[in-house]
Amino acid sequence: MLEWHTRDEKRFLEGIGTYNTKNSEIKSTTKKKLLEGYLEGCQKRVDWGDIDKGEIIEFAKVQLAELKNTS
């Protein structure tokens, strides 16, 4: 089974919105919506494995705030 840690989840969040192979152009509005959806999903997530839930939620919130400040 693949091990997934806090650092891996952070890398995933940093690239969120860029994983669509059909359209590699990222739009900040798309990334905002994806991060908002991610944060909503965090409330329902039960198994965090080796991921630090608090650290990741804070990281996602900071990423979202940075996007909101640049638009």
PDB file of N, CA and C in Angstrom:
ATOM      1  N   MET A   1       0.835  -1.182   0.000  1.00  0.00           N
ATOM      2  CA  MET A   1       0.000   0.000   0.000  1.00  0.00           C
ATOM      3  C   MET A   1       0.887   1.254   0.000  1.00  0.00           C
ATOM      4  N   LEU A   2       0.471   2.237  -0.734  1.00  0.00           N
ATOM      5  CA  LEU A   2       1.212   3.485  -0.856  1.00  0.00           C
ATOM      6  C   LEU A   2       1.159   4.270   0.449  1.00  0.00           C
ATOM      7  N   GLU A   3       2.312   4.722   0.899  1.00  0.00           N
ATOM      8  CA  GLU A   3       2.351   5.587   2.084  1.00  0.00           C
ATOM      9  C   GLU A   3       2.154   7.028   1.634  1.00  0.00           C
ATOM     10  N   TRP A   4       1.310   7.748   2.326  1.00  0.00           N
ATOM     11  CA  TRP A   4       0.996   9.143   1.996  1.00  0.00           C
ATOM     12  C   TRP A   4       1.121   9.937   3.276  1.00  0.00           C
ATOM     13  N   HIS A   5       1.969  10.941   3.243  1.00  0.00           N
ATOM     14  CA  HIS A   5       2.262  11.714   4.435  1.00  0.00           C
ATOM     15  C   HIS A   5       1.841  13.170   4.246  1.00  0.00           C
ATOM     16  N   THR A   6       1.999  13.935   5.290  1.00  0.00           N
ATOM     17  CA  THR A   6       1.634  15.356   5.274  1.00  0.00           C
ATOM     18  C   THR A   6       2.333  16.079   4.131  1.00  0.00           C
ATOM     19  N   ARG A   7       3.601  15.824   3.927  1.00  0.00           N
ATOM     20  CA  ARG A   7       4.346  16.500   2.847  1.00  0.00           C
ATOM     21  C   ARG A   7       3.767  16.160   1.482  1.00  0.00           C
ATOM     22  N   ASP A   8       3.286  14.928   1.303  1.00  0.00           N
ATOM     23  CA  ASP A   8       2.680  14.519   0.038  1.00  0.00           C
ATOM     24  C   ASP A   8       1.353  15.249  -0.191  1.00  0.00           C
ATOM     25  N   GLU A   9       0.590  15.376   0.853  1.00  0.00           N
ATOM     26  CA  GLU A   9      -0.695  16.072   0.756  1.00  0.00           C
ATOM     27  C   GLU A   9      -0.472  17.553   0.441  1.00  0.00           C
ATOM     28  N   LYS A  10       0.565  18.141   1.008  1.00  0.00           N
ATOM     29  CA  LYS A  10       0.895  19.544   0.708  1.00  0.00           C
ATOM     30  C   LYS A  10       1.266  19.708  -0.762  1.00  0.00           C
ATOM     31  N   ARG A  11       2.054  18.779  -1.278  1.00  0.00           N
ATOM     32  CA  ARG A  11       2.422  18.841  -2.702  1.00  0.00           C
ATOM     33  C   ARG A  11       1.177  18.727  -3.577  1.00  0.00           C
ATOM     34  N   PHE A  12       0.263  17.851  -3.176  1.00  0.00           N
ATOM     35  CA  PHE A  12      -0.987  17.704  -3.912  1.00  0.00           C
ATOM     36  C   PHE A  12      -1.752  19.027  -3.920  1.00  0.00           C
ATOM     37  N   LEU A  13      -1.852  19.659  -2.764  1.00  0.00           N
ATOM     38  CA  LEU A  13      -2.588  20.927  -2.670  1.00  0.00           C
ATOM     39  C   LEU A  13      -1.909  22.046  -3.453  1.00  0.00           C
ATOM     40  N   GLU A  14      -0.600  22.057  -3.463  1.00  0.00           N
ATOM     41  CA  GLU A  14       0.118  23.076  -4.238  1.00  0.00           C
ATOM     42  C   GLU A  14      -0.185  22.956  -5.731  1.00  0.00           C
ATOM     43  N   GLY A  15      -0.424  21.742  -6.190  1.00  0.00           N
ATOM     44  CA  GLY A  15      -0.693  21.525  -7.608  1.00  0.00           C
ATOM     45  C   GLY A  15      -2.154  21.392  -7.963  1.00  0.00           C
ATOM     46  N   ILE A  16      -3.027  21.495  -6.979  1.00  0.00           N
ATOM     47  CA  ILE A  16      -4.452  21.315  -7.240  1.00  0.00           C
ATOM     48  C   ILE A  16      -4.902  22.281  -8.341  1.00  0.00           C
ATOM     49  N   GLY A  17      -5.651  21.738  -9.272  1.00  0.00           N
ATOM     50  CA  GLY A  17      -6.104  22.530 -10.404  1.00  0.00           C
ATOM     51  C   GLY A  17      -5.234  22.365 -11.633  1.00  0.00           C
ATOM     52  N   THR A  18      -4.135  21.630 -11.501  1.00  0.00           N
ATOM     53  CA  THR A  18      -3.230  21.447 -12.635  1.00  0.00           C
ATOM     54  C   THR A  18      -3.202  20.001 -13.114  1.00  0.00           C
ATOM     55  N   TYR A  19      -4.029  19.163 -12.554  1.00  0.00           N
ATOM     56  CA  TYR A  19      -3.963  17.739 -12.852  1.00  0.00           C
ATOM     57  C   TYR A  19      -4.842  17.315 -14.027  1.00  0.00           C
ATOM     58  N   ASN A  20      -5.490  18.245 -14.685  1.00  0.00           N
ATOM     59  CA  ASN A  20      -6.325  17.953 -15.839  1.00  0.00           C
ATOM     60  C   ASN A  20      -5.435  17.902 -17.078  1.00  0.00           C
ATOM     61  N   THR A  21      -5.296  16.737 -17.664  1.00  0.00           N
ATOM     62  CA  THR A  21      -4.406  16.596 -18.814  1.00  0.00           C
ATOM     63  C   THR A  21      -4.963  17.251 -20.067  1.00  0.00           C
ATOM     64  N   LYS A  22      -6.253  17.485 -20.123  1.00  0.00           N
ATOM     65  CA  LYS A  22      -6.861  18.105 -21.293  1.00  0.00           C
ATOM     66  C   LYS A  22      -6.613  19.607 -21.328  1.00  0.00           C
ATOM     67  N   ASN A  23      -6.520  20.212 -20.165  1.00  0.00           N
ATOM     68  CA  ASN A  23      -6.341  21.661 -20.103  1.00  0.00           C
ATOM     69  C   ASN A  23      -5.337  21.975 -19.006  1.00  0.00           C
ATOM     70  N   SER A  24      -4.089  22.161 -19.389  1.00  0.00           N
ATOM     71  CA  SER A  24      -3.036  22.376 -18.397  1.00  0.00           C
ATOM     72  C   SER A  24      -2.997  23.813 -17.893  1.00  0.00           C
ATOM     73  N   GLU A  25      -3.817  24.677 -18.474  1.00  0.00           N
ATOM     74  CA  GLU A  25      -3.846  26.074 -18.052  1.00  0.00           C
ATOM     75  C   GLU A  25      -4.664  26.189 -16.766  1.00  0.00           C
ATOM     76  N   ILE A  26      -4.025  26.676 -15.714  1.00  0.00           N
ATOM     77  CA  ILE A  26      -4.713  26.795 -14.429  1.00  0.00           C
ATOM     78  C   ILE A  26      -5.336  28.178 -14.295  1.00  0.00           C
ATOM     79  N   LYS A  27      -6.517  28.200 -13.776  1.00  0.00           N
ATOM     80  CA  LYS A  27      -7.198  29.463 -13.513  1.00  0.00           C
ATOM     81  C   LYS A  27      -7.355  29.591 -12.011  1.00  0.00           C
ATOM     82  N   SER A  28      -7.084  30.785 -11.486  1.00  0.00           N
ATOM     83  CA  SER A  28      -7.144  30.965 -10.037  1.00  0.00           C
ATOM     84  C   SER A  28      -8.547  30.704  -9.505  1.00  0.00           C
ATOM     85  N   THR A  29      -9.589  31.015 -10.293  1.00  0.00           N
ATOM     86  CA  THR A  29     -10.952  30.757  -9.820  1.00  0.00           C
ATOM     87  C   THR A  29     -11.190  29.259  -9.679  1.00  0.00           C
ATOM     88  N   THR A  30     -10.645  28.480 -10.590  1.00  0.00           N
ATOM     89  CA  THR A  30     -10.775  27.025 -10.512  1.00  0.00           C
ATOM     90  C   THR A  30     -10.049  26.505  -9.282  1.00  0.00           C
ATOM     91  N   LYS A  31      -8.834  26.990  -9.067  1.00  0.00           N
ATOM     92  CA  LYS A  31      -8.061  26.539  -7.908  1.00  0.00           C
ATOM     93  C   LYS A  31      -8.778  26.937  -6.616  1.00  0.00           C
ATOM     94  N   LYS A  32      -9.360  28.129  -6.585  1.00  0.00           N
ATOM     95  CA  LYS A  32     -10.119  28.557  -5.399  1.00  0.00           C
ATOM     96  C   LYS A  32     -11.254  27.594  -5.120  1.00  0.00           C
ATOM     97  N   LYS A  33     -12.014  27.280  -6.154  1.00  0.00           N
ATOM     98  CA  LYS A  33     -13.158  26.369  -5.963  1.00  0.00           C
ATOM     99  C   LYS A  33     -12.697  24.992  -5.508  1.00  0.00           C
ATOM    100  N   LEU A  34     -11.609  24.522  -6.081  1.00  0.00           N
ATOM    101  CA  LEU A  34     -11.098  23.212  -5.685  1.00  0.00           C
ATOM    102  C   LEU A  34     -10.620  23.213  -4.232  1.00  0.00           C
ATOM    103  N   LEU A  35      -9.938  24.272  -3.821  1.00  0.00           N
ATOM    104  CA  LEU A  35      -9.491  24.355  -2.425  1.00  0.00           C
ATOM    105  C   LEU A  35     -10.681  24.479  -1.473  1.00  0.00           C
ATOM    106  N   GLU A  36     -11.690  25.248  -1.872  1.00  0.00           N
ATOM    107  CA  GLU A  36     -12.894  25.348  -1.040  1.00  0.00           C
ATOM    108  C   GLU A  36     -13.563  23.987  -0.899  1.00  0.00           C
ATOM    109  N   GLY A  37     -13.645  23.261  -2.005  1.00  0.00           N
ATOM    110  CA  GLY A  37     -14.213  21.911  -1.961  1.00  0.00           C
ATOM    111  C   GLY A  37     -13.377  20.957  -1.130  1.00  0.00           C
ATOM    112  N   TYR A  38     -12.066  21.103  -1.233  1.00  0.00           N
ATOM    113  CA  TYR A  38     -11.162  20.269  -0.436  1.00  0.00           C
ATOM    114  C   TYR A  38     -11.416  20.507   1.051  1.00  0.00           C
ATOM    115  N   LEU A  39     -11.514  21.775   1.427  1.00  0.00           N
ATOM    116  CA  LEU A  39     -11.738  22.103   2.842  1.00  0.00           C
ATOM    117  C   LEU A  39     -13.093  21.591   3.325  1.00  0.00           C
ATOM    118  N   GLU A  40     -14.103  21.641   2.481  1.00  0.00           N
ATOM    119  CA  GLU A  40     -15.405  21.067   2.850  1.00  0.00           C
ATOM    120  C   GLU A  40     -15.277  19.560   3.045  1.00  0.00           C
ATOM    121  N   GLY A  41     -14.536  18.928   2.144  1.00  0.00           N
ATOM    122  CA  GLY A  41     -14.339  17.484   2.237  1.00  0.00           C
ATOM    123  C   GLY A  41     -13.570  17.067   3.474  1.00  0.00           C
ATOM    124  N   CYS A  42     -12.704  17.937   3.954  1.00  0.00           N
ATOM    125  CA  CYS A  42     -11.931  17.633   5.166  1.00  0.00           C
ATOM    126  C   CYS A  42     -12.845  17.366   6.358  1.00  0.00           C
ATOM    127  N   GLN A  43     -13.982  18.019   6.384  1.00  0.00           N
ATOM    128  CA  GLN A  43     -14.919  17.844   7.497  1.00  0.00           C
ATOM    129  C   GLN A  43     -15.496  16.428   7.526  1.00  0.00           C
ATOM    130  N   LYS A  44     -15.529  15.782   6.358  1.00  0.00           N
ATOM    131  CA  LYS A  44     -16.107  14.437   6.250  1.00  0.00           C
ATOM    132  C   LYS A  44     -15.036  13.339   6.271  1.00  0.00           C
ATOM    133  N   ARG A  45     -13.803  13.737   6.106  1.00  0.00           N
ATOM    134  CA  ARG A  45     -12.724  12.747   6.035  1.00  0.00           C
ATOM    135  C   ARG A  45     -12.507  12.089   7.390  1.00  0.00           C
ATOM    136  N   VAL A  46     -12.502  10.774   7.392  1.00  0.00           N
ATOM    137  CA  VAL A  46     -12.362  10.020   8.636  1.00  0.00           C
ATOM    138  C   VAL A  46     -10.935   9.509   8.820  1.00  0.00           C
ATOM    139  N   ASP A  47     -10.365   8.949   7.771  1.00  0.00           N
ATOM    140  CA  ASP A  47      -9.045   8.334   7.870  1.00  0.00           C
ATOM    141  C   ASP A  47      -7.994   9.278   7.302  1.00  0.00           C
ATOM    142  N   TRP A  48      -7.175   9.820   8.172  1.00  0.00           N
ATOM    143  CA  TRP A  48      -6.111  10.727   7.755  1.00  0.00           C
ATOM    144  C   TRP A  48      -4.767  10.019   7.692  1.00  0.00           C
ATOM    145  N   GLY A  49      -4.719   8.770   8.104  1.00  0.00           N
ATOM    146  CA  GLY A  49      -3.477   7.999   8.043  1.00  0.00           C
ATOM    147  C   GLY A  49      -2.326   8.746   8.700  1.00  0.00           C
ATOM    148  N   ASP A  50      -1.237   8.920   7.952  1.00  0.00           N
ATOM    149  CA  ASP A  50      -0.043   9.605   8.465  1.00  0.00           C
ATOM    150  C   ASP A  50      -0.059  11.103   8.163  1.00  0.00           C
ATOM    151  N   ILE A  51      -1.226  11.626   7.849  1.00  0.00           N
ATOM    152  CA  ILE A  51      -1.356  13.050   7.516  1.00  0.00           C
ATOM    153  C   ILE A  51      -1.795  13.807   8.756  1.00  0.00           C
ATOM    154  N   ASP A  52      -1.135  14.918   9.035  1.00  0.00           N
ATOM    155  CA  ASP A  52      -1.499  15.785  10.150  1.00  0.00           C
ATOM    156  C   ASP A  52      -2.680  16.656   9.716  1.00  0.00           C
ATOM    157  N   LYS A  53      -3.864  16.295  10.170  1.00  0.00           N
ATOM    158  CA  LYS A  53      -5.102  16.962   9.757  1.00  0.00           C
ATOM    159  C   LYS A  53      -5.044  18.471   9.992  1.00  0.00           C
ATOM    160  N   GLY A  54      -4.669  18.879  11.175  1.00  0.00           N
ATOM    161  CA  GLY A  54      -4.631  20.301  11.514  1.00  0.00           C
ATOM    162  C   GLY A  54      -3.658  21.075  10.633  1.00  0.00           C
ATOM    163  N   GLU A  55      -2.501  20.497  10.399  1.00  0.00           N
ATOM    164  CA  GLU A  55      -1.488  21.152   9.573  1.00  0.00           C
ATOM    165  C   GLU A  55      -1.974  21.304   8.127  1.00  0.00           C
ATOM    166  N   ILE A  56      -2.626  20.276   7.617  1.00  0.00           N
ATOM    167  CA  ILE A  56      -3.104  20.313   6.237  1.00  0.00           C
ATOM    168  C   ILE A  56      -4.260  21.291   6.077  1.00  0.00           C
ATOM    169  N   ILE A  57      -5.172  21.301   7.012  1.00  0.00           N
ATOM    170  CA  ILE A  57      -6.290  22.246   6.917  1.00  0.00           C
ATOM    171  C   ILE A  57      -5.771  23.676   6.956  1.00  0.00           C
ATOM    172  N   GLU A  58      -4.837  23.952   7.829  1.00  0.00           N
ATOM    173  CA  GLU A  58      -4.246  25.292   7.903  1.00  0.00           C
ATOM    174  C   GLU A  58      -3.511  25.630   6.607  1.00  0.00           C
ATOM    175  N   PHE A  59      -2.788  24.669   6.065  1.00  0.00           N
ATOM    176  CA  PHE A  59      -2.062  24.868   4.817  1.00  0.00           C
ATOM    177  C   PHE A  59      -3.026  25.211   3.683  1.00  0.00           C
ATOM    178  N   ALA A  60      -4.128  24.475   3.592  1.00  0.00           N
ATOM    179  CA  ALA A  60      -5.128  24.724   2.545  1.00  0.00           C
ATOM    180  C   ALA A  60      -5.768  26.107   2.728  1.00  0.00           C
ATOM    181  N   LYS A  61      -6.029  26.488   3.967  1.00  0.00           N
ATOM    182  CA  LYS A  61      -6.611  27.806   4.235  1.00  0.00           C
ATOM    183  C   LYS A  61      -5.655  28.926   3.823  1.00  0.00           C
ATOM    184  N   VAL A  62      -4.376  28.744   4.073  1.00  0.00           N
ATOM    185  CA  VAL A  62      -3.377  29.745   3.679  1.00  0.00           C
ATOM    186  C   VAL A  62      -3.302  29.831   2.158  1.00  0.00           C
ATOM    187  N   GLN A  63      -3.293  28.687   1.487  1.00  0.00           N
ATOM    188  CA  GLN A  63      -3.277  28.667   0.021  1.00  0.00           C
ATOM    189  C   GLN A  63      -4.486  29.429  -0.534  1.00  0.00           C
ATOM    190  N   LEU A  64      -5.653  29.178   0.049  1.00  0.00           N
ATOM    191  CA  LEU A  64      -6.879  29.838  -0.399  1.00  0.00           C
ATOM    192  C   LEU A  64      -6.822  31.338  -0.138  1.00  0.00           C
ATOM    193  N   ALA A  65      -6.354  31.728   1.019  1.00  0.00           N
ATOM    194  CA  ALA A  65      -6.248  33.156   1.353  1.00  0.00           C
ATOM    195  C   ALA A  65      -5.298  33.868   0.402  1.00  0.00           C
ATOM    196  N   GLU A  66      -4.206  33.235   0.048  1.00  0.00           N
ATOM    197  CA  GLU A  66      -3.243  33.834  -0.895  1.00  0.00           C
ATOM    198  C   GLU A  66      -3.895  34.049  -2.253  1.00  0.00           C
ATOM    199  N   LEU A  67      -4.718  33.116  -2.688  1.00  0.00           N
ATOM    200  CA  LEU A  67      -5.407  33.274  -3.970  1.00  0.00           C
ATOM    201  C   LEU A  67      -6.422  34.407  -3.916  1.00  0.00           C
ATOM    202  N   LYS A  68      -7.109  34.497  -2.803  1.00  0.00           N
ATOM    203  CA  LYS A  68      -8.120  35.558  -2.660  1.00  0.00           C
ATOM    204  C   LYS A  68      -7.465  36.930  -2.609  1.00  0.00           C
ATOM    205  N   ASN A  69      -6.263  37.008  -2.071  1.00  0.00           N
ATOM    206  CA  ASN A  69      -5.555  38.279  -1.976  1.00  0.00           C
ATOM    207  C   ASN A  69      -4.957  38.731  -3.315  1.00  0.00           C
ATOM    208  N   THR A  70      -4.781  37.785  -4.233  1.00  0.00           N
ATOM    209  CA  THR A  70      -4.162  38.144  -5.517  1.00  0.00           C
ATOM    210  C   THR A  70      -5.201  38.416  -6.604  1.00  0.00           C
ATOM    211  N   SER A  71      -6.460  38.221  -6.307  1.00  0.00           N
ATOM    212  CA  SER A  71      -7.463  38.459  -7.346  1.00  0.00           C
ATOM    213  C   SER A  71      -8.309  39.666  -7.060  1.00  0.00           C
TER     214      SER A  71
END
